[in-house]
């Protein structure tokens, strides 16, 4: 574990593995410790992964001001890490809610972004709508699974506004291409690894201005990858296609059979897609 100091004095931790050019990785959750990313399916064999623990998570310090958990306030933390690493531009990979932070960073510091890989991203920062019908249609792709009937009934209840605490555990299998022991362990670790107080503030009012963000991303010169899981009810492929359409230089990859954690479901396919993208020349490289 290594550390640096954010502009407000908060001590932030990051974890490094692998060799090659650095790839800064922003976890989801929101505000879940970066440990769940692991080596991203073996991506560390191709790039030096720099996994950031957002303030208040993992080994990072809890800030004095809880308001700084808000997503837009974390842009300065990412830029401080870039500067700490001595990089003029940074290649970013972000998962789920971490993609909201990555999108804000790219919209506010476009000259600092080399490449941007968004893995099953949340769409909150860019204001896209994912309909209930889209989520349910994606869920029905799992009709043959032994847990489907119970999970689908819970998902319908949630969609109808009848969510109860137990529903979320019943829906969890829809986030995984394989509902195996490793997937169960990943879900079980979520409560321990996530800062619930920070998660409640992360997307608080004022965190996002989708119109401004979309306008900025429409001029982003950096290449972008949006990687979707074919059966991911959280970030369905049709919504991911709309997300990719916000950028002038975006590739959409839909990983067959994958859920919300595609590096787990088929590590080789995931790594191949991401490394192929990261080999694309950035605008500055091409010049």
C-alpha atoms as a PDB file:
ATOM      1  CA  UNK A   1       0.000   0.000   0.000  1.00  0.00           C
ATOM      2  CA  UNK A   2       1.222   3.469  -0.956  1.00  0.00           C
ATOM      3  CA  UNK A   3      -0.231   6.864  -0.107  1.00  0.00           C
ATOM      4  CA  UNK A   4      -0.417  10.513  -1.116  1.00  0.00           C
ATOM      5  CA  UNK A   5      -2.081  13.617   0.272  1.00  0.00           C
ATOM      6  CA  UNK A   6      -5.227  15.116  -1.230  1.00  0.00           C
ATOM      7  CA  UNK A   7      -5.511  18.904  -1.585  1.00  0.00           C
ATOM      8  CA  UNK A   8      -7.518  19.164   1.661  1.00  0.00           C
ATOM      9  CA  UNK A   9      -4.918  17.181   3.605  1.00  0.00           C
ATOM     10  CA  UNK A  10      -6.712  13.815   3.601  1.00  0.00           C
ATOM     11  CA  UNK A  11      -4.275  10.915   3.307  1.00  0.00           C
ATOM     12  CA  UNK A  12      -5.326   8.588   0.482  1.00  0.00           C
ATOM     13  CA  UNK A  13      -4.093   5.061  -0.196  1.00  0.00           C
ATOM     14  CA  UNK A  14      -3.531   3.232  -3.449  1.00  0.00           C
ATOM     15  CA  UNK A  15      -2.373  -0.273  -4.305  1.00  0.00           C
ATOM     16  CA  UNK A  16      -0.039  -1.195  -7.150  1.00  0.00           C
ATOM     17  CA  UNK A  17       0.340  -4.497  -8.965  1.00  0.00           C
ATOM     18  CA  UNK A  18       1.772  -5.600 -12.291  1.00  0.00           C
ATOM     19  CA  UNK A  19       4.136  -4.073 -14.795  1.00  0.00           C
ATOM     20  CA  UNK A  20       3.878  -1.667 -17.669  1.00  0.00           C
ATOM     21  CA  UNK A  21       2.419   1.798 -18.069  1.00  0.00           C
ATOM     22  CA  UNK A  22       0.189   2.808 -15.137  1.00  0.00           C
ATOM     23  CA  UNK A  23      -3.563   2.399 -15.344  1.00  0.00           C
ATOM     24  CA  UNK A  24      -5.415   4.228 -12.571  1.00  0.00           C
ATOM     25  CA  UNK A  25      -8.486   2.252 -11.487  1.00  0.00           C
ATOM     26  CA  UNK A  26     -11.493   3.820  -9.759  1.00  0.00           C
ATOM     27  CA  UNK A  27     -13.739   1.413  -7.820  1.00  0.00           C
ATOM     28  CA  UNK A  28     -17.507   1.415  -7.650  1.00  0.00           C
ATOM     29  CA  UNK A  29     -19.743   0.714  -4.712  1.00  0.00           C
ATOM     30  CA  UNK A  30     -20.056   3.643  -4.453  1.00  0.00           C
ATOM     31  CA  UNK A  31     -17.079   4.144  -2.129  1.00  0.00           C
ATOM     32  CA  UNK A  32     -16.146   0.485  -1.880  1.00  0.00           C
ATOM     33  CA  UNK A  33     -12.532  -0.375  -1.087  1.00  0.00           C
ATOM     34  CA  UNK A  34     -10.649  -1.165  -4.287  1.00  0.00           C
ATOM     35  CA  UNK A  35      -9.707  -4.664  -3.078  1.00  0.00           C
ATOM     36  CA  UNK A  36     -12.717  -6.210  -4.824  1.00  0.00           C
ATOM     37  CA  UNK A  37     -11.197  -5.332  -8.205  1.00  0.00           C
ATOM     38  CA  UNK A  38      -8.376  -7.805  -7.582  1.00  0.00           C
ATOM     39  CA  UNK A  39      -6.059  -7.955 -10.583  1.00  0.00           C
ATOM     40  CA  UNK A  40      -8.995  -7.321 -12.947  1.00  0.00           C
ATOM     41  CA  UNK A  41      -8.904 -10.785 -14.443  1.00  0.00           C
ATOM     42  CA  UNK A  42      -5.168 -10.762 -15.073  1.00  0.00           C
ATOM     43  CA  UNK A  43      -4.973  -7.256 -16.511  1.00  0.00           C
ATOM     44  CA  UNK A  44      -1.969  -6.684 -14.231  1.00  0.00           C
ATOM     45  CA  UNK A  45       0.059  -8.858 -16.606  1.00  0.00           C
ATOM     46  CA  UNK A  46      -0.266  -6.090 -19.197  1.00  0.00           C
ATOM     47  CA  UNK A  47      -0.440  -2.842 -17.212  1.00  0.00           C
ATOM     48  CA  UNK A  48       0.667  -1.546 -13.836  1.00  0.00           C
ATOM     49  CA  UNK A  49      -2.635  -1.292 -12.004  1.00  0.00           C
ATOM     50  CA  UNK A  50      -2.978   1.629  -9.585  1.00  0.00           C
ATOM     51  CA  UNK A  51      -6.085   0.925  -7.491  1.00  0.00           C
ATOM     52  CA  UNK A  52      -7.299   3.973  -5.574  1.00  0.00           C
ATOM     53  CA  UNK A  53      -9.118   3.652  -2.267  1.00  0.00           C
ATOM     54  CA  UNK A  54     -11.464   6.629  -2.306  1.00  0.00           C
ATOM     55  CA  UNK A  55     -11.454   8.754   0.840  1.00  0.00           C
ATOM     56  CA  UNK A  56     -13.031   6.925   3.731  1.00  0.00           C
ATOM     57  CA  UNK A  57     -12.644   3.477   2.169  1.00  0.00           C
ATOM     58  CA  UNK A  58     -10.030   0.768   2.373  1.00  0.00           C
ATOM     59  CA  UNK A  59      -6.764   2.123   3.749  1.00  0.00           C
ATOM     60  CA  UNK A  60      -7.606   5.760   2.969  1.00  0.00           C
ATOM     61  CA  UNK A  61      -8.234   8.276   5.720  1.00  0.00           C
ATOM     62  CA  UNK A  62     -11.707   9.412   6.716  1.00  0.00           C
ATOM     63  CA  UNK A  63     -11.922  13.124   5.821  1.00  0.00           C
ATOM     64  CA  UNK A  64     -12.649  15.807   8.366  1.00  0.00           C
ATOM     65  CA  UNK A  65     -15.559  17.064   6.259  1.00  0.00           C
ATOM     66  CA  UNK A  66     -18.055  14.345   5.209  1.00  0.00           C
ATOM     67  CA  UNK A  67     -19.344  16.633   2.453  1.00  0.00           C
ATOM     68  CA  UNK A  68     -16.135  15.871   0.553  1.00  0.00           C
ATOM     69  CA  UNK A  69     -17.460  12.368  -0.143  1.00  0.00           C
ATOM     70  CA  UNK A  70     -19.617  13.899  -2.889  1.00  0.00           C
ATOM     71  CA  UNK A  71     -18.579  12.647  -6.298  1.00  0.00           C
ATOM     72  CA  UNK A  72     -17.755  16.021  -7.840  1.00  0.00           C
ATOM     73  CA  UNK A  73     -15.555  16.852  -4.849  1.00  0.00           C
ATOM     74  CA  UNK A  74     -13.428  13.764  -5.578  1.00  0.00           C
ATOM     75  CA  UNK A  75     -12.205  15.041  -8.958  1.00  0.00           C
ATOM     76  CA  UNK A  76      -9.374  16.843  -7.172  1.00  0.00           C
ATOM     77  CA  UNK A  77      -8.354  13.580  -5.464  1.00  0.00           C
ATOM     78  CA  UNK A  78      -7.947  11.852  -8.821  1.00  0.00           C
ATOM     79  CA  UNK A  79      -5.926  14.740 -10.189  1.00  0.00           C
ATOM     80  CA  UNK A  80      -3.739  14.742  -7.081  1.00  0.00           C
ATOM     81  CA  UNK A  81      -2.997  11.045  -7.677  1.00  0.00           C
ATOM     82  CA  UNK A  82      -2.103  11.782 -11.302  1.00  0.00           C
ATOM     83  CA  UNK A  83       0.308  14.488 -10.200  1.00  0.00           C
ATOM     84  CA  UNK A  84       1.717  12.256  -7.443  1.00  0.00           C
ATOM     85  CA  UNK A  85       2.472   9.587 -10.054  1.00  0.00           C
ATOM     86  CA  UNK A  86       4.276  12.175 -12.180  1.00  0.00           C
ATOM     87  CA  UNK A  87       1.934  11.770 -15.160  1.00  0.00           C
ATOM     88  CA  UNK A  88       1.008  14.518 -17.597  1.00  0.00           C
ATOM     89  CA  UNK A  89      -1.923  12.399 -18.781  1.00  0.00           C
ATOM     90  CA  UNK A  90      -3.530   9.402 -17.134  1.00  0.00           C
ATOM     91  CA  UNK A  91      -5.197   6.288 -18.494  1.00  0.00           C
ATOM     92  CA  UNK A  92      -8.297   5.657 -16.366  1.00  0.00           C
ATOM     93  CA  UNK A  93     -10.361   2.528 -15.816  1.00  0.00           C
ATOM     94  CA  UNK A  94     -13.534   2.894 -13.770  1.00  0.00           C
ATOM     95  CA  UNK A  95     -16.153   0.395 -12.657  1.00  0.00           C
ATOM     96  CA  UNK A  96     -19.827   1.011 -11.917  1.00  0.00           C
ATOM     97  CA  UNK A  97     -20.249   4.108  -9.695  1.00  0.00           C
ATOM     98  CA  UNK A  98     -16.573   4.895 -10.184  1.00  0.00           C
ATOM     99  CA  UNK A  99     -17.465   5.753 -13.782  1.00  0.00           C
ATOM    100  CA  UNK A 100     -19.410   8.767 -12.506  1.00  0.00           C
ATOM    101  CA  UNK A 101     -16.190  10.092 -11.037  1.00  0.00           C
ATOM    102  CA  UNK A 102     -14.268   9.226 -14.197  1.00  0.00           C
ATOM    103  CA  UNK A 103     -16.836  11.037 -16.337  1.00  0.00           C
ATOM    104  CA  UNK A 104     -16.613  14.144 -14.175  1.00  0.00           C
ATOM    105  CA  UNK A 105     -12.826  14.006 -14.267  1.00  0.00           C
ATOM    106  CA  UNK A 106     -12.825  13.682 -18.066  1.00  0.00           C
ATOM    107  CA  UNK A 107     -15.295  16.538 -18.414  1.00  0.00           C
ATOM    108  CA  UNK A 108     -13.296  18.860 -16.141  1.00  0.00           C
ATOM    109  CA  UNK A 109      -9.736  17.779 -16.954  1.00  0.00           C
ATOM    110  CA  UNK A 110      -9.972  16.565 -20.559  1.00  0.00           C
ATOM    111  CA  UNK A 111      -6.360  17.488 -21.291  1.00  0.00           C
ATOM    112  CA  UNK A 112      -5.258  15.087 -18.537  1.00  0.00           C
ATOM    113  CA  UNK A 113      -7.021  11.997 -19.920  1.00  0.00           C
ATOM    114  CA  UNK A 114      -5.088   9.664 -22.192  1.00  0.00           C
ATOM    115  CA  UNK A 115      -7.602   6.798 -22.479  1.00  0.00           C
ATOM    116  CA  UNK A 116     -10.826   6.128 -20.607  1.00  0.00           C
ATOM    117  CA  UNK A 117     -12.201   2.618 -19.995  1.00  0.00           C
ATOM    118  CA  UNK A 118     -15.678   2.509 -18.427  1.00  0.00           C
ATOM    119  CA  UNK A 119     -16.579  -0.971 -17.187  1.00  0.00           C
ATOM    120  CA  UNK A 120     -20.326  -1.618 -16.702  1.00  0.00           C
ATOM    121  CA  UNK A 121     -20.659   2.050 -15.740  1.00  0.00           C
ATOM    122  CA  UNK A 122     -23.330   3.825 -13.750  1.00  0.00           C
ATOM    123  CA  UNK A 123     -25.110   6.438 -15.858  1.00  0.00           C
ATOM    124  CA  UNK A 124     -25.972   8.908 -13.074  1.00  0.00           C
ATOM    125  CA  UNK A 125     -23.381  11.542 -13.976  1.00  0.00           C
ATOM    126  CA  UNK A 126     -24.538  11.707 -17.588  1.00  0.00           C
ATOM    127  CA  UNK A 127     -28.264  11.558 -16.866  1.00  0.00           C
ATOM    128  CA  UNK A 128     -29.233   8.575 -19.005  1.00  0.00           C
ATOM    129  CA  UNK A 129     -32.416   6.676 -18.139  1.00  0.00           C
ATOM    130  CA  UNK A 130     -32.554   2.897 -17.857  1.00  0.00           C
ATOM    131  CA  UNK A 131     -36.176   1.809 -17.958  1.00  0.00           C
ATOM    132  CA  UNK A 132     -37.715  -0.911 -15.811  1.00  0.00           C
ATOM    133  CA  UNK A 133     -38.695  -2.781 -18.975  1.00  0.00           C
ATOM    134  CA  UNK A 134     -35.072  -2.808 -20.116  1.00  0.00           C
ATOM    135  CA  UNK A 135     -33.862  -4.219 -16.800  1.00  0.00           C
ATOM    136  CA  UNK A 136     -36.578  -6.873 -16.719  1.00  0.00           C
ATOM    137  CA  UNK A 137     -35.909  -7.904 -20.313  1.00  0.00           C
ATOM    138  CA  UNK A 138     -32.224  -8.290 -19.496  1.00  0.00           C
ATOM    139  CA  UNK A 139     -33.092 -10.319 -16.407  1.00  0.00           C
ATOM    140  CA  UNK A 140     -35.232 -12.705 -18.469  1.00  0.00           C
ATOM    141  CA  UNK A 141     -32.111 -13.799 -20.330  1.00  0.00           C
ATOM    142  CA  UNK A 142     -31.349 -15.800 -17.161  1.00  0.00           C
ATOM    143  CA  UNK A 143     -34.621 -17.733 -17.317  1.00  0.00           C
ATOM    144  CA  UNK A 144     -32.858 -21.084 -17.239  1.00  0.00           C
ATOM    145  CA  UNK A 145     -31.038 -20.480 -13.955  1.00  0.00           C
ATOM    146  CA  UNK A 146     -32.245 -22.373 -10.839  1.00  0.00           C
ATOM    147  CA  UNK A 147     -32.524 -19.135  -8.842  1.00  0.00           C
ATOM    148  CA  UNK A 148     -34.365 -17.231 -11.579  1.00  0.00           C
ATOM    149  CA  UNK A 149     -37.972 -17.459 -10.339  1.00  0.00           C
ATOM    150  CA  UNK A 150     -37.222 -16.130  -6.864  1.00  0.00           C
ATOM    151  CA  UNK A 151     -34.789 -13.474  -8.124  1.00  0.00           C
ATOM    152  CA  UNK A 152     -37.149 -12.266 -10.841  1.00  0.00           C
ATOM    153  CA  UNK A 153     -40.057 -11.963  -8.393  1.00  0.00           C
ATOM    154  CA  UNK A 154     -37.847  -9.828  -6.132  1.00  0.00           C
ATOM    155  CA  UNK A 155     -36.765  -7.699  -9.083  1.00  0.00           C
ATOM    156  CA  UNK A 156     -40.393  -7.106 -10.063  1.00  0.00           C
ATOM    157  CA  UNK A 157     -41.163  -6.028  -6.488  1.00  0.00           C
ATOM    158  CA  UNK A 158     -38.272  -3.577  -6.486  1.00  0.00           C
ATOM    159  CA  UNK A 159     -39.349  -2.198  -9.871  1.00  0.00           C
ATOM    160  CA  UNK A 160     -42.866  -1.678  -8.480  1.00  0.00           C
ATOM    161  CA  UNK A 161     -41.568   0.213  -5.444  1.00  0.00           C
ATOM    162  CA  UNK A 162     -42.081  -2.674  -3.012  1.00  0.00           C
ATOM    163  CA  UNK A 163     -38.412  -3.098  -2.083  1.00  0.00           C
ATOM    164  CA  UNK A 164     -37.529  -4.600   1.283  1.00  0.00           C
ATOM    165  CA  UNK A 165     -34.115  -5.389   2.744  1.00  0.00           C
ATOM    166  CA  UNK A 166     -34.248  -9.044   1.733  1.00  0.00           C
ATOM    167  CA  UNK A 167     -34.956  -8.248  -1.899  1.00  0.00           C
ATOM    168  CA  UNK A 168     -31.422  -7.095  -2.640  1.00  0.00           C
ATOM    169  CA  UNK A 169     -29.853 -10.427  -1.707  1.00  0.00           C
ATOM    170  CA  UNK A 170     -32.394 -12.241  -3.894  1.00  0.00           C
ATOM    171  CA  UNK A 171     -31.564  -9.982  -6.857  1.00  0.00           C
ATOM    172  CA  UNK A 172     -27.785 -10.335  -6.463  1.00  0.00           C
ATOM    173  CA  UNK A 173     -27.421 -13.329  -8.828  1.00  0.00           C
ATOM    174  CA  UNK A 174     -28.505 -11.114 -11.732  1.00  0.00           C
ATOM    175  CA  UNK A 175     -25.250  -9.144 -11.329  1.00  0.00           C
ATOM    176  CA  UNK A 176     -23.052 -12.173 -12.015  1.00  0.00           C
ATOM    177  CA  UNK A 177     -22.542 -14.271 -15.095  1.00  0.00           C
ATOM    178  CA  UNK A 178     -22.031 -17.229 -12.743  1.00  0.00           C
ATOM    179  CA  UNK A 179     -23.728 -17.380  -9.345  1.00  0.00           C
ATOM    180  CA  UNK A 180     -20.979 -19.460  -7.741  1.00  0.00           C
ATOM    181  CA  UNK A 181     -19.132 -19.390  -4.430  1.00  0.00           C
ATOM    182  CA  UNK A 182     -16.783 -16.642  -5.624  1.00  0.00           C
ATOM    183  CA  UNK A 183     -19.757 -14.476  -6.607  1.00  0.00           C
ATOM    184  CA  UNK A 184     -21.417 -15.086  -3.240  1.00  0.00           C
ATOM    185  CA  UNK A 185     -18.191 -14.122  -1.460  1.00  0.00           C
ATOM    186  CA  UNK A 186     -17.921 -10.932  -3.511  1.00  0.00           C
ATOM    187  CA  UNK A 187     -21.462  -9.956  -2.543  1.00  0.00           C
ATOM    188  CA  UNK A 188     -20.912 -10.843   1.115  1.00  0.00           C
ATOM    189  CA  UNK A 189     -17.802  -8.634   1.274  1.00  0.00           C
ATOM    190  CA  UNK A 190     -19.656  -5.582  -0.019  1.00  0.00           C
ATOM    191  CA  UNK A 191     -21.025  -4.476   3.357  1.00  0.00           C
ATOM    192  CA  UNK A 192     -17.602  -4.751   4.975  1.00  0.00           C
ATOM    193  CA  UNK A 193     -15.734  -2.996   2.178  1.00  0.00           C
ATOM    194  CA  UNK A 194     -18.181  -0.148   1.540  1.00  0.00           C
ATOM    195  CA  UNK A 195     -18.455   3.065   3.540  1.00  0.00           C
ATOM    196  CA  UNK A 196     -22.230   3.482   3.876  1.00  0.00           C
ATOM    197  CA  UNK A 197     -21.987   7.076   5.117  1.00  0.00           C
ATOM    198  CA  UNK A 198     -19.846   8.037   2.143  1.00  0.00           C
ATOM    199  CA  UNK A 199     -22.084   6.119  -0.270  1.00  0.00           C
ATOM    200  CA  UNK A 200     -25.070   8.176   0.894  1.00  0.00           C
ATOM    201  CA  UNK A 201     -23.206  11.428   0.138  1.00  0.00           C
ATOM    202  CA  UNK A 202     -21.506  10.340  -3.117  1.00  0.00           C
ATOM    203  CA  UNK A 203     -24.462  11.129  -5.371  1.00  0.00           C
ATOM    204  CA  UNK A 204     -26.075  13.788  -3.162  1.00  0.00           C
ATOM    205  CA  UNK A 205     -27.794  16.817  -4.740  1.00  0.00           C
ATOM    206  CA  UNK A 206     -25.264  18.962  -6.538  1.00  0.00           C
ATOM    207  CA  UNK A 207     -22.926  16.079  -7.365  1.00  0.00           C
ATOM    208  CA  UNK A 208     -23.979  15.901 -11.008  1.00  0.00           C
ATOM    209  CA  UNK A 209     -24.940  18.307 -13.762  1.00  0.00           C
ATOM    210  CA  UNK A 210     -25.675  15.901 -16.633  1.00  0.00           C
ATOM    211  CA  UNK A 211     -26.220  18.534 -19.317  1.00  0.00           C
ATOM    212  CA  UNK A 212     -22.866  20.173 -18.627  1.00  0.00           C
ATOM    213  CA  UNK A 213     -21.096  16.820 -18.381  1.00  0.00           C
ATOM    214  CA  UNK A 214     -22.553  15.470 -21.629  1.00  0.00           C
ATOM    215  CA  UNK A 215     -21.617  18.663 -23.478  1.00  0.00           C
ATOM    216  CA  UNK A 216     -18.035  18.374 -22.255  1.00  0.00           C
ATOM    217  CA  UNK A 217     -17.748  14.660 -23.071  1.00  0.00           C
ATOM    218  CA  UNK A 218     -19.007  15.344 -26.605  1.00  0.00           C
ATOM    219  CA  UNK A 219     -15.723  17.166 -27.254  1.00  0.00           C
ATOM    220  CA  UNK A 220     -13.393  14.714 -25.479  1.00  0.00           C
ATOM    221  CA  UNK A 221     -10.513  13.822 -27.781  1.00  0.00           C
ATOM    222  CA  UNK A 222      -9.359  10.779 -25.790  1.00  0.00           C
ATOM    223  CA  UNK A 223     -10.423   7.304 -26.943  1.00  0.00           C
ATOM    224  CA  UNK A 224     -13.082   5.680 -24.766  1.00  0.00           C
ATOM    225  CA  UNK A 225     -14.120   2.079 -24.135  1.00  0.00           C
ATOM    226  CA  UNK A 226     -17.554   1.274 -22.752  1.00  0.00           C
ATOM    227  CA  UNK A 227     -17.620  -2.399 -21.785  1.00  0.00           C
ATOM    228  CA  UNK A 228     -21.003  -3.954 -20.999  1.00  0.00           C
ATOM    229  CA  UNK A 229     -21.975  -7.366 -19.705  1.00  0.00           C
ATOM    230  CA  UNK A 230     -24.551  -9.098 -21.888  1.00  0.00           C
ATOM    231  CA  UNK A 231     -26.727 -10.085 -18.894  1.00  0.00           C
ATOM    232  CA  UNK A 232     -26.022  -7.161 -16.550  1.00  0.00           C
ATOM    233  CA  UNK A 233     -29.319  -5.770 -15.213  1.00  0.00           C
ATOM    234  CA  UNK A 234     -27.496  -2.846 -13.595  1.00  0.00           C
ATOM    235  CA  UNK A 235     -25.903  -1.563 -16.800  1.00  0.00           C
ATOM    236  CA  UNK A 236     -27.767  -3.225 -19.708  1.00  0.00           C
ATOM    237  CA  UNK A 237     -26.120  -3.219 -23.138  1.00  0.00           C
ATOM    238  CA  UNK A 238     -28.681  -0.887 -24.734  1.00  0.00           C
ATOM    239  CA  UNK A 239     -27.972   1.759 -22.090  1.00  0.00           C
ATOM    240  CA  UNK A 240     -24.253   1.224 -22.557  1.00  0.00           C
ATOM    241  CA  UNK A 241     -24.647   1.802 -26.288  1.00  0.00           C
ATOM    242  CA  UNK A 242     -26.313   5.128 -25.501  1.00  0.00           C
ATOM    243  CA  UNK A 243     -23.450   5.949 -23.122  1.00  0.00           C
ATOM    244  CA  UNK A 244     -20.851   5.205 -25.802  1.00  0.00           C
ATOM    245  CA  UNK A 245     -22.756   7.482 -28.155  1.00  0.00           C
ATOM    246  CA  UNK A 246     -21.983  10.471 -25.919  1.00  0.00           C
ATOM    247  CA  UNK A 247     -18.320  10.411 -26.970  1.00  0.00           C
ATOM    248  CA  UNK A 248     -16.759  11.202 -30.349  1.00  0.00           C
ATOM    249  CA  UNK A 249     -14.228   8.326 -30.099  1.00  0.00           C
ATOM    250  CA  UNK A 250     -15.879   5.478 -28.201  1.00  0.00           C
ATOM    251  CA  UNK A 251     -15.907   1.724 -28.709  1.00  0.00           C
ATOM    252  CA  UNK A 252     -18.718  -0.382 -27.264  1.00  0.00           C
ATOM    253  CA  UNK A 253     -17.875  -3.961 -26.320  1.00  0.00           C
ATOM    254  CA  UNK A 254     -20.591  -6.293 -25.053  1.00  0.00           C
ATOM    255  CA  UNK A 255     -19.012  -9.284 -23.315  1.00  0.00           C
ATOM    256  CA  UNK A 256     -21.093 -12.434 -23.912  1.00  0.00           C
ATOM    257  CA  UNK A 257     -22.519 -14.083 -20.810  1.00  0.00           C
ATOM    258  CA  UNK A 258     -21.052 -11.454 -18.478  1.00  0.00           C
ATOM    259  CA  UNK A 259     -22.742  -9.625 -15.643  1.00  0.00           C
ATOM    260  CA  UNK A 260     -21.688  -6.565 -13.699  1.00  0.00           C
ATOM    261  CA  UNK A 261     -18.192  -7.910 -12.943  1.00  0.00           C
ATOM    262  CA  UNK A 262     -17.011  -9.058 -16.379  1.00  0.00           C
ATOM    263  CA  UNK A 263     -13.391  -9.634 -15.340  1.00  0.00           C
ATOM    264  CA  UNK A 264     -14.696 -12.472 -13.153  1.00  0.00           C
ATOM    265  CA  UNK A 265     -17.040 -14.048 -15.667  1.00  0.00           C
ATOM    266  CA  UNK A 266     -14.506 -14.496 -18.468  1.00  0.00           C
ATOM    267  CA  UNK A 267     -11.096 -13.104 -17.476  1.00  0.00           C
ATOM    268  CA  UNK A 268      -9.411 -13.909 -20.792  1.00  0.00           C
ATOM    269  CA  UNK A 269     -12.105 -12.246 -22.896  1.00  0.00           C
ATOM    270  CA  UNK A 270     -12.196  -9.209 -20.596  1.00  0.00           C
ATOM    271  CA  UNK A 271      -8.429  -8.783 -20.579  1.00  0.00           C
ATOM    272  CA  UNK A 272      -8.221  -9.164 -24.350  1.00  0.00           C
ATOM    273  CA  UNK A 273     -10.855  -6.461 -24.902  1.00  0.00           C
ATOM    274  CA  UNK A 274      -9.324  -3.984 -22.468  1.00  0.00           C
ATOM    275  CA  UNK A 275      -5.717  -4.494 -23.581  1.00  0.00           C
ATOM    276  CA  UNK A 276      -6.712  -4.133 -27.237  1.00  0.00           C
ATOM    277  CA  UNK A 277      -8.361  -0.838 -26.368  1.00  0.00           C
ATOM    278  CA  UNK A 278      -5.411   0.399 -24.314  1.00  0.00           C
ATOM    279  CA  UNK A 279      -3.145  -0.179 -27.301  1.00  0.00           C
ATOM    280  CA  UNK A 280      -5.165   2.326 -29.311  1.00  0.00           C
ATOM    281  CA  UNK A 281      -3.176   5.510 -29.805  1.00  0.00           C
ATOM    282  CA  UNK A 282      -4.393   8.522 -27.917  1.00  0.00           C
ATOM    283  CA  UNK A 283      -4.648  11.748 -29.898  1.00  0.00           C
ATOM    284  CA  UNK A 284      -1.353  12.918 -28.520  1.00  0.00           C
ATOM    285  CA  UNK A 285       0.288   9.577 -29.428  1.00  0.00           C
ATOM    286  CA  UNK A 286      -1.081   9.748 -32.956  1.00  0.00           C
ATOM    287  CA  UNK A 287       0.387  13.174 -33.512  1.00  0.00           C
END
